[in-house]
Amino acid sequence: MKVCKFEKMKEEDEIRQVINYILKEHPYVVVVPTLTQLQEWLQDISISWFHEEDSASHATINNIEEYCRTLADHLITDLPLNTDIKKYIRECIEKMHKLVEDKADLLIDKIIKAEIYRLSGELFACCLRQYGLNARTLDTGTFMQMNLERKPDIPYIQESIRQYINENRDTDIFIAPLSLCKNVYGEIDFMNEKRNDYYATVLASIFEADEIILSTELTNIYTNRNCAREQHSLTYTEAEQLINSGVNLIYTDCITLAARSNIVIRLIDTHDLETERLYISSHDTESSVKAIIIQDSVTFVRFTSLNVLPGYLLMGKLLEVINKYQINVISMASSNVSVSMILTASRDTLRIIQRELHKYTEMVVDENMSVIHIIGSLHWERTQLESNIMETIRHIPISLISYGGSDHCFTISVHTADKKQLLNSLSQRFLERLSA
């Protein structure tokens, strides 16, 4: 059994692409976002309502009704289904008109938002019914409860959703509105959008899914395209180490929960649903190079000792300052007189660090840097791999190399101006067909 999660649907063509993908993959649960246009109107309603511009709020709600009815006419040609969804649209619109007549209130604002999320989900479910599927909207606002730490209360969710699933065993597919939940007090709430992938992974865990397909914005990730899955498969450990080093992949708790529940994660790009970009599981294919991932806007810093402190005390002082300002260190190399780091920090933070350490070190900074992570099975017993990498990039100036701290990642930092040349050299050597 599988779960699918999609991000951002702006136009009718994108909705059709998602529907076609669902018909091909046959997931049991689909987590869908609210249509982009509806999200924009939701913001307009909130602004006008809190400014006591009642006529503007009602006008926006009427725009929502017209938009949804037009979508229904274009996407749902079956007459009984078209009639049913238009009746549902009218009921939602009437509820929202009544709600905005009250005095502006944050809780009621969330209730209005939830109505739109449910409406968007029901529209999508109705589109799937047209293809003969018994599709039902899963009211996650009832089942998905957060705890005091604003994290999903998984034991509660499992208990509350089990009976609902048993009562709807004839359902072919559940449509879950993305991020809709309730807080620890039982009030309508929404999970932070940055954690959408985790929201879907929680549902996959609750439904005991074998795999989850996450459509997400994948930038600066390069893999073999249209090739055997073994060439772009990562283990949970490889993916987790990448995320912890600052690579924008998916929310790190997704990996932890998926690994604990033994759920395979398949990453597809929002703009190219048909191409699987990364496959994350417990199985190590032991491919030498599986992916190349780039991080831009990083900083190279070299601390050279002024011989005021012994080496071990200097290292301790550096790490103390790094910890104090919670700086993300991507890679590091050291000798008996200096320490070099690739890190992410603002110019203000770098100036503060320099002020704290000027008695002990000379600090050299270069901000125009990029980091290239070469991901694969890079265990030290594979004796020729690192030499093959170095031979491939021998003509490009390198500022720092990190190798040996992980069996899964070879990290190189270069000036951003040399990034493209380095990527081309590596992809020609290790990746047959490039996907970015």
Protein backbone atom coordinates (compact mmCIF):
# COMPACT_ATOMS: atom_id res chain seq x y z
CA MET A 1 0.00 0.00 0.00
CA LYS A 2 1.27 3.46 -0.82
CA VAL A 3 0.65 7.11 0.04
CA CYS A 4 1.20 10.04 -2.35
CA LYS A 5 1.71 13.69 -1.43
CA PHE A 6 1.63 16.54 -3.93
CA GLU A 7 2.70 20.19 -3.70
CA LYS A 8 1.18 23.25 -5.38
CA MET A 9 -1.50 22.81 -8.01
CA LYS A 10 -2.04 26.07 -9.87
CA GLU A 11 -3.84 25.24 -13.10
CA GLU A 12 -6.24 22.69 -14.56
CA ASP A 13 -3.43 21.02 -16.51
CA GLU A 14 -1.49 20.41 -13.28
CA ILE A 15 -4.60 18.89 -11.67
CA ARG A 16 -4.99 16.56 -14.66
CA GLN A 17 -1.31 15.55 -14.45
CA VAL A 18 -1.75 14.64 -10.78
CA ILE A 19 -4.92 12.66 -11.55
CA ASN A 20 -3.14 10.73 -14.31
CA TYR A 21 -0.26 9.97 -11.96
CA ILE A 22 -2.67 8.67 -9.31
CA LEU A 23 -4.43 6.44 -11.85
CA LYS A 24 -1.02 4.98 -12.74
CA GLU A 25 0.29 4.49 -9.18
CA HIS A 26 -2.97 3.45 -7.43
CA PRO A 27 -2.19 4.86 -3.94
CA TYR A 28 -4.56 4.24 -1.02
CA VAL A 29 -4.11 7.73 0.44
CA VAL A 30 -3.44 10.93 -1.51
CA VAL A 31 -2.43 14.08 0.36
CA VAL A 32 -3.31 17.11 -1.75
CA PRO A 33 -2.65 20.83 -1.27
CA THR A 34 -5.30 23.50 -1.52
CA LEU A 35 -5.35 24.95 -5.02
CA THR A 36 -3.03 27.94 -5.27
CA GLN A 37 -5.76 30.36 -6.34
CA LEU A 38 -7.90 29.39 -3.35
CA GLN A 39 -4.96 29.97 -0.98
CA GLU A 40 -4.53 33.48 -2.36
CA TRP A 41 -8.22 34.24 -1.86
CA LEU A 42 -8.04 32.88 1.69
CA GLN A 43 -5.44 35.53 2.49
CA ASP A 44 -7.67 38.19 0.94
CA ILE A 45 -10.61 37.08 3.11
CA SER A 46 -8.52 37.24 6.27
CA ILE A 47 -7.17 40.71 5.46
CA SER A 48 -10.54 42.24 4.55
CA TRP A 49 -12.34 40.53 7.45
CA PHE A 50 -9.90 41.75 10.10
CA HIS A 51 -10.11 45.25 8.56
CA GLU A 52 -13.92 45.02 8.89
CA GLU A 53 -14.40 45.28 5.13
CA ASP A 54 -17.36 42.90 5.04
CA SER A 55 -18.33 43.56 1.43
CA ALA A 56 -14.82 42.67 0.24
CA SER A 57 -14.90 39.40 2.22
CA HIS A 58 -18.26 38.39 0.74
CA ALA A 59 -17.09 39.33 -2.77
CA THR A 60 -14.00 37.11 -2.42
CA ILE A 61 -16.15 34.21 -1.21
CA ASN A 62 -18.35 34.66 -4.30
CA ASN A 63 -15.19 34.53 -6.44
CA ILE A 64 -14.30 31.22 -4.79
CA GLU A 65 -17.72 29.80 -5.65
CA GLU A 66 -17.47 30.89 -9.29
CA TYR A 67 -13.93 29.49 -9.60
CA CYS A 68 -14.86 26.11 -8.09
CA ARG A 69 -18.00 25.77 -10.24
CA THR A 70 -15.94 26.55 -13.36
CA LEU A 71 -13.35 23.94 -12.36
CA ALA A 72 -16.13 21.41 -11.81
CA ASP A 73 -17.53 22.07 -15.30
CA HIS A 74 -14.09 21.62 -16.88
CA LEU A 75 -12.94 18.58 -14.91
CA ILE A 76 -16.12 16.68 -14.02
CA THR A 77 -18.20 15.87 -17.09
CA ASP A 78 -20.35 13.20 -15.42
CA LEU A 79 -23.68 14.99 -14.84
CA PRO A 80 -24.69 13.41 -11.47
CA LEU A 81 -21.19 13.95 -10.06
CA ASN A 82 -21.14 17.52 -11.39
CA THR A 83 -24.47 18.19 -9.69
CA ASP A 84 -23.28 16.68 -6.39
CA ILE A 85 -20.08 18.71 -6.25
CA LYS A 86 -21.90 21.95 -7.08
CA LYS A 87 -24.30 21.26 -4.22
CA TYR A 88 -21.32 20.71 -1.91
CA ILE A 89 -19.71 23.95 -3.17
CA ARG A 90 -22.91 25.89 -2.41
CA GLU A 91 -23.08 24.50 1.13
CA CYS A 92 -19.45 25.49 1.82
CA ILE A 93 -19.96 28.97 0.41
CA GLU A 94 -23.07 29.53 2.57
CA LYS A 95 -21.11 28.47 5.68
CA MET A 96 -18.32 30.93 4.88
CA HIS A 97 -20.74 33.81 4.25
CA LYS A 98 -22.25 33.20 7.70
CA LEU A 99 -18.85 32.92 9.40
CA VAL A 100 -17.54 36.27 8.10
CA GLU A 101 -20.65 38.03 9.39
CA ASP A 102 -19.30 37.51 12.93
CA LYS A 103 -16.60 39.66 14.47
CA ALA A 104 -13.10 38.78 13.24
CA ASP A 105 -11.59 35.99 15.31
CA LEU A 106 -8.46 33.86 14.81
CA LEU A 107 -10.24 30.58 15.53
CA ILE A 108 -13.08 31.35 13.11
CA ASP A 109 -10.47 32.40 10.55
CA LYS A 110 -8.97 28.89 10.85
CA ILE A 111 -12.45 27.34 10.49
CA ILE A 112 -12.94 29.26 7.23
CA LYS A 113 -9.53 28.10 6.05
CA ALA A 114 -10.45 24.49 6.91
CA GLU A 115 -13.66 24.78 4.86
CA ILE A 116 -11.60 25.79 1.82
CA TYR A 117 -9.14 22.94 2.39
CA ARG A 118 -12.00 20.42 2.61
CA LEU A 119 -13.66 21.91 -0.47
CA SER A 120 -10.43 21.58 -2.46
CA GLY A 121 -10.09 17.96 -1.30
CA GLU A 122 -13.70 17.11 -2.18
CA LEU A 123 -13.28 18.60 -5.67
CA PHE A 124 -10.30 16.33 -6.17
CA ALA A 125 -12.14 13.28 -4.82
CA CYS A 126 -15.03 13.95 -7.18
CA CYS A 127 -12.63 14.09 -10.14
CA LEU A 128 -11.38 10.60 -9.22
CA ARG A 129 -14.92 9.21 -8.82
CA GLN A 130 -15.42 10.08 -12.46
CA TYR A 131 -12.83 7.37 -13.26
CA GLY A 132 -14.76 4.71 -11.34
CA LEU A 133 -12.83 5.00 -8.07
CA ASN A 134 -14.67 5.07 -4.76
CA ALA A 135 -12.81 8.15 -3.52
CA ARG A 136 -13.57 9.66 -0.12
CA THR A 137 -12.25 12.77 1.61
CA LEU A 138 -10.39 11.95 4.83
CA ASP A 139 -11.24 14.65 7.38
CA THR A 140 -7.78 15.05 8.86
CA GLY A 141 -9.12 17.96 10.92
CA THR A 142 -10.82 15.30 13.05
CA PHE A 143 -8.06 12.68 13.26
CA MET A 144 -4.72 14.49 13.04
CA GLN A 145 -4.15 15.85 16.54
CA MET A 146 -1.04 17.71 17.69
CA ASN A 147 0.44 17.33 21.16
CA LEU A 148 1.69 20.12 23.44
CA GLU A 149 4.94 20.29 21.43
CA ARG A 150 2.89 20.80 18.23
CA LYS A 151 3.97 17.44 16.89
CA PRO A 152 1.54 14.74 15.67
CA ASP A 153 0.20 12.65 18.56
CA ILE A 154 0.71 9.37 16.70
CA PRO A 155 -0.79 6.98 19.33
CA TYR A 156 -3.96 9.11 19.50
CA ILE A 157 -4.21 9.34 15.70
CA GLN A 158 -3.80 5.57 15.32
CA GLU A 159 -6.55 4.90 17.83
CA SER A 160 -9.01 7.44 16.42
CA ILE A 161 -8.53 6.57 12.76
CA ARG A 162 -8.69 2.77 13.09
CA GLN A 163 -12.47 2.63 13.51
CA TYR A 164 -12.99 5.04 10.61
CA ILE A 165 -10.91 2.85 8.29
CA ASN A 166 -12.84 -0.26 9.35
CA GLU A 167 -16.13 1.50 8.59
CA ASN A 168 -14.93 2.49 5.10
CA ARG A 169 -13.21 -0.65 3.85
CA ASP A 170 -15.00 -0.30 0.50
CA THR A 171 -13.12 2.96 -0.16
CA ASP A 172 -10.59 2.72 -3.00
CA ILE A 173 -8.73 5.91 -2.19
CA PHE A 174 -8.73 8.52 0.58
CA ILE A 175 -8.07 12.20 -0.21
CA ALA A 176 -6.45 14.04 2.71
CA PRO A 177 -6.20 17.87 2.71
CA LEU A 178 -2.57 18.82 3.31
CA SER A 179 -1.58 20.24 6.75
CA LEU A 180 -5.13 20.25 8.21
CA CYS A 181 -5.19 19.03 11.84
CA LYS A 182 -6.42 19.96 15.32
CA ASN A 183 -4.41 21.20 18.28
CA VAL A 184 -4.14 19.63 21.72
CA TYR A 185 -7.30 21.51 22.79
CA GLY A 186 -9.35 20.02 19.94
CA GLU A 187 -9.47 23.25 17.89
CA ILE A 188 -8.94 23.40 14.13
CA ASP A 189 -5.29 24.03 13.32
CA PHE A 190 -2.67 23.62 10.58
CA MET A 191 0.79 22.12 10.56
CA ASN A 192 3.63 24.37 9.41
CA GLU A 193 3.96 24.19 5.61
CA LYS A 194 7.68 23.43 5.96
CA ARG A 195 6.65 20.11 7.50
CA ASN A 196 4.24 19.02 4.75
CA ASP A 197 6.41 16.01 3.92
CA TYR A 198 6.34 14.94 7.56
CA TYR A 199 2.55 15.36 7.67
CA ALA A 200 2.23 12.90 4.78
CA THR A 201 4.79 10.52 6.32
CA VAL A 202 2.76 10.41 9.55
CA LEU A 203 -0.29 9.39 7.51
CA ALA A 204 1.79 6.73 5.75
CA SER A 205 2.85 5.39 9.15
CA ILE A 206 -0.73 5.39 10.47
CA PHE A 207 -2.01 3.52 7.40
CA GLU A 208 0.97 1.11 7.59
CA ALA A 209 2.03 1.97 4.04
CA ASP A 210 4.89 0.20 2.27
CA GLU A 211 5.99 3.34 0.44
CA ILE A 212 5.36 7.04 0.23
CA ILE A 213 5.75 9.18 -2.88
CA LEU A 214 6.64 12.80 -2.12
CA SER A 215 6.36 15.46 -4.79
CA THR A 216 8.66 18.27 -3.71
CA GLU A 217 10.87 21.06 -5.01
CA LEU A 218 14.18 19.32 -5.75
CA THR A 219 16.83 21.86 -6.68
CA ASN A 220 20.56 21.29 -7.06
CA ILE A 221 20.20 17.49 -6.94
CA TYR A 222 21.75 15.63 -9.86
CA THR A 223 21.14 11.94 -10.55
CA ASN A 224 20.96 9.48 -13.41
CA ARG A 225 17.74 10.04 -15.32
CA ASN A 226 15.49 7.25 -16.64
CA CYS A 227 17.92 4.60 -15.49
CA ALA A 228 17.83 1.63 -13.15
CA ARG A 229 16.61 2.52 -9.66
CA GLU A 230 19.84 1.19 -8.17
CA GLN A 231 21.65 4.21 -9.63
CA HIS A 232 19.69 6.77 -7.58
CA SER A 233 18.90 4.84 -4.38
CA LEU A 234 19.98 6.15 -0.98
CA THR A 235 19.80 4.46 2.39
CA TYR A 236 18.02 6.16 5.29
CA THR A 237 21.44 6.83 6.84
CA GLU A 238 22.79 8.47 3.67
CA ALA A 239 19.73 10.70 3.35
CA GLU A 240 19.76 11.65 7.03
CA GLN A 241 23.43 12.60 6.97
CA LEU A 242 22.82 14.81 3.93
CA ILE A 243 19.94 16.64 5.60
CA ASN A 244 21.88 17.11 8.83
CA SER A 245 24.72 18.72 6.88
CA GLY A 246 22.32 21.37 5.57
CA VAL A 247 21.19 19.93 2.22
CA ASN A 248 17.60 20.92 1.42
CA LEU A 249 16.10 17.50 0.70
CA ILE A 250 13.10 16.74 2.93
CA TYR A 251 12.29 17.31 6.60
CA THR A 252 14.65 15.16 8.66
CA ASP A 253 11.88 13.66 10.83
CA CYS A 254 10.46 12.07 7.65
CA ILE A 255 13.56 9.89 7.37
CA THR A 256 13.49 8.91 11.05
CA LEU A 257 9.79 7.95 10.97
CA ALA A 258 10.07 6.16 7.61
CA ALA A 259 13.07 4.16 8.83
CA ARG A 260 11.26 3.19 12.03
CA SER A 261 8.17 2.10 10.06
CA ASN A 262 10.21 0.61 7.18
CA ILE A 263 8.50 2.85 4.62
CA VAL A 264 10.25 3.39 1.29
CA ILE A 265 10.44 7.07 0.26
CA ARG A 266 10.25 7.95 -3.43
CA LEU A 267 11.02 11.57 -4.32
CA ILE A 268 9.60 13.04 -7.52
CA ASP A 269 9.92 16.60 -8.74
CA THR A 270 6.89 18.89 -8.58
CA HIS A 271 7.49 19.85 -12.23
CA ASP A 272 8.18 16.32 -13.52
CA LEU A 273 5.96 13.74 -11.82
CA GLU A 274 6.93 10.92 -14.16
CA THR A 275 10.63 10.84 -13.22
CA GLU A 276 11.70 9.32 -9.93
CA ARG A 277 14.60 11.40 -8.63
CA LEU A 278 15.61 9.62 -5.43
CA TYR A 279 14.63 6.32 -3.82
CA ILE A 280 15.30 6.08 -0.07
CA SER A 281 15.09 2.74 1.75
CA SER A 282 17.00 0.42 4.08
CA HIS A 283 18.60 -1.38 1.13
CA ASP A 284 22.12 -0.33 0.10
CA THR A 285 22.67 -0.93 -3.61
CA GLU A 286 26.40 -0.23 -3.08
CA SER A 287 26.54 1.85 -6.26
CA SER A 288 29.75 3.87 -6.23
CA VAL A 289 28.11 7.25 -7.03
CA LYS A 290 24.35 7.63 -6.67
CA ALA A 291 23.83 11.39 -6.72
CA ILE A 292 25.62 14.73 -6.76
CA ILE A 293 24.16 17.47 -4.59
CA ILE A 294 25.17 21.13 -4.64
CA GLN A 295 24.95 23.72 -1.86
CA ASP A 296 25.42 27.36 -2.79
CA SER A 297 25.87 30.48 -0.65
CA VAL A 298 28.29 28.90 1.79
CA THR A 299 31.42 30.42 3.35
CA PHE A 300 34.98 29.15 3.60
CA VAL A 301 36.77 30.20 6.80
CA ARG A 302 40.37 29.44 7.78
CA PHE A 303 41.52 30.00 11.37
CA THR A 304 45.33 30.17 11.64
CA SER A 305 46.77 29.95 15.15
CA LEU A 306 48.65 32.94 16.62
CA ASN A 307 50.33 30.46 19.00
CA VAL A 308 48.62 31.96 22.03
CA LEU A 309 46.85 28.68 22.86
CA PRO A 310 48.03 25.08 22.48
CA GLY A 311 46.38 23.22 19.61
CA TYR A 312 43.89 21.29 21.76
CA LEU A 313 42.75 24.45 23.59
CA LEU A 314 42.42 26.37 20.32
CA MET A 315 40.20 23.64 18.87
CA GLY A 316 38.07 23.71 22.02
CA LYS A 317 37.74 27.50 21.79
CA LEU A 318 36.67 27.33 18.14
CA LEU A 319 34.01 24.70 18.84
CA GLU A 320 32.77 26.68 21.83
CA VAL A 321 32.17 29.75 19.64
CA ILE A 322 30.55 27.64 16.90
CA ASN A 323 28.19 26.16 19.48
CA LYS A 324 27.48 29.55 21.06
CA TYR A 325 26.17 31.02 17.80
CA GLN A 326 24.64 27.74 16.55
CA ILE A 327 26.54 27.80 13.27
CA ASN A 328 26.00 24.97 10.79
CA VAL A 329 29.40 23.51 9.88
CA ILE A 330 29.21 21.55 6.62
CA SER A 331 32.78 20.24 6.55
CA MET A 332 36.05 20.82 8.37
CA ALA A 333 39.77 20.05 8.04
CA SER A 334 42.61 20.77 10.46
CA SER A 335 46.39 20.73 10.85
CA ASN A 336 48.67 21.53 13.78
CA VAL A 337 48.50 25.28 13.00
CA SER A 338 45.12 25.93 11.35
CA VAL A 339 41.50 24.83 11.05
CA SER A 340 39.45 25.29 7.86
CA MET A 341 35.66 25.14 7.78
CA ILE A 342 32.86 25.36 5.26
CA LEU A 343 29.86 26.83 7.05
CA THR A 344 26.68 28.83 6.65
CA ALA A 345 26.62 32.12 8.55
CA SER A 346 25.67 35.75 7.95
CA ARG A 347 28.29 38.47 7.60
CA ASP A 348 27.26 39.89 10.98
CA THR A 349 27.81 36.51 12.63
CA LEU A 350 31.22 36.18 10.98
CA ARG A 351 32.22 39.62 12.30
CA ILE A 352 31.18 38.59 15.83
CA ILE A 353 33.24 35.39 15.55
CA GLN A 354 36.25 37.37 14.39
CA ARG A 355 35.87 39.75 17.33
CA GLU A 356 35.74 36.86 19.81
CA LEU A 357 38.72 34.99 18.34
CA HIS A 358 41.06 37.79 17.21
CA LYS A 359 43.37 37.21 20.22
CA TYR A 360 43.93 33.59 19.27
CA THR A 361 43.68 33.25 15.48
CA GLU A 362 43.98 35.03 12.19
CA MET A 363 40.71 34.56 10.29
CA VAL A 364 40.46 34.44 6.48
CA VAL A 365 36.98 34.43 4.90
CA ASP A 366 35.80 33.67 1.35
CA GLU A 367 32.02 33.94 0.82
CA ASN A 368 31.81 33.06 -2.87
CA MET A 369 31.84 29.31 -2.34
CA SER A 370 29.82 26.23 -3.29
CA VAL A 371 29.89 22.73 -1.86
CA ILE A 372 29.52 19.56 -3.92
CA HIS A 373 28.45 16.38 -2.10
CA ILE A 374 29.20 13.17 -4.01
CA ILE A 375 26.83 10.56 -2.57
CA GLY A 376 27.31 6.82 -2.83
CA SER A 377 28.84 3.74 -1.29
CA LEU A 378 32.22 5.27 -0.44
CA HIS A 379 33.59 2.86 2.13
CA TRP A 380 37.38 2.98 2.50
CA GLU A 381 37.65 -0.57 1.15
CA ARG A 382 36.62 0.73 -2.30
CA THR A 383 40.21 1.73 -2.90
CA GLN A 384 40.03 3.41 -6.30
CA LEU A 385 36.93 5.55 -5.94
CA GLU A 386 38.50 8.58 -4.24
CA SER A 387 41.42 8.52 -6.69
CA ASN A 388 38.94 8.43 -9.61
CA ILE A 389 37.16 11.48 -8.19
CA MET A 390 40.41 13.39 -7.72
CA GLU A 391 41.62 12.45 -11.20
CA THR A 392 38.35 13.71 -12.68
CA ILE A 393 38.62 17.14 -11.05
CA ARG A 394 42.40 17.59 -11.16
CA HIS A 395 42.14 20.71 -13.37
CA ILE A 396 39.83 22.60 -10.94
CA PRO A 397 41.13 24.54 -7.89
CA ILE A 398 39.80 23.00 -4.65
CA SER A 399 39.63 24.90 -1.34
CA LEU A 400 38.68 22.02 0.96
CA ILE A 401 38.03 18.27 0.76
CA SER A 402 36.17 16.26 3.40
CA TYR A 403 36.47 12.48 3.11
CA GLY A 404 36.48 9.72 5.70
CA GLY A 405 34.01 11.23 8.15
CA SER A 406 31.24 9.26 6.43
CA ASP A 407 31.05 6.10 4.34
CA HIS A 408 28.47 7.78 2.13
CA CYS A 409 29.70 11.26 1.22
CA PHE A 410 32.74 12.86 -0.42
CA THR A 411 32.54 16.65 -0.02
CA ILE A 412 34.41 19.20 -2.11
CA SER A 413 34.30 22.99 -1.81
CA VAL A 414 35.14 25.26 -4.75
CA HIS A 415 34.62 28.83 -5.81
CA THR A 416 31.10 29.24 -7.17
CA ALA A 417 32.57 30.32 -10.52
CA ASP A 418 34.08 26.82 -10.90
CA LYS A 419 30.94 24.95 -9.82
CA LYS A 420 29.51 24.31 -13.28
CA GLN A 421 32.80 23.00 -14.67
CA LEU A 422 33.19 20.68 -11.68
CA LEU A 423 29.63 19.37 -12.02
CA ASN A 424 30.07 18.69 -15.73
CA SER A 425 33.30 16.77 -15.12
CA LEU A 426 31.78 14.64 -12.36
CA SER A 427 28.54 13.93 -14.21
CA GLN A 428 30.35 12.85 -17.38
CA ARG A 429 32.51 10.51 -15.33
CA PHE A 430 29.98 9.05 -12.89
CA LEU A 431 26.45 9.83 -14.13
CA GLU A 432 25.35 8.54 -17.51
CA ARG A 433 22.37 10.84 -18.01
CA LEU A 434 22.05 13.94 -15.90
CA SER A 435 18.85 15.01 -14.17
CA ALA A 436 18.73 18.30 -12.29
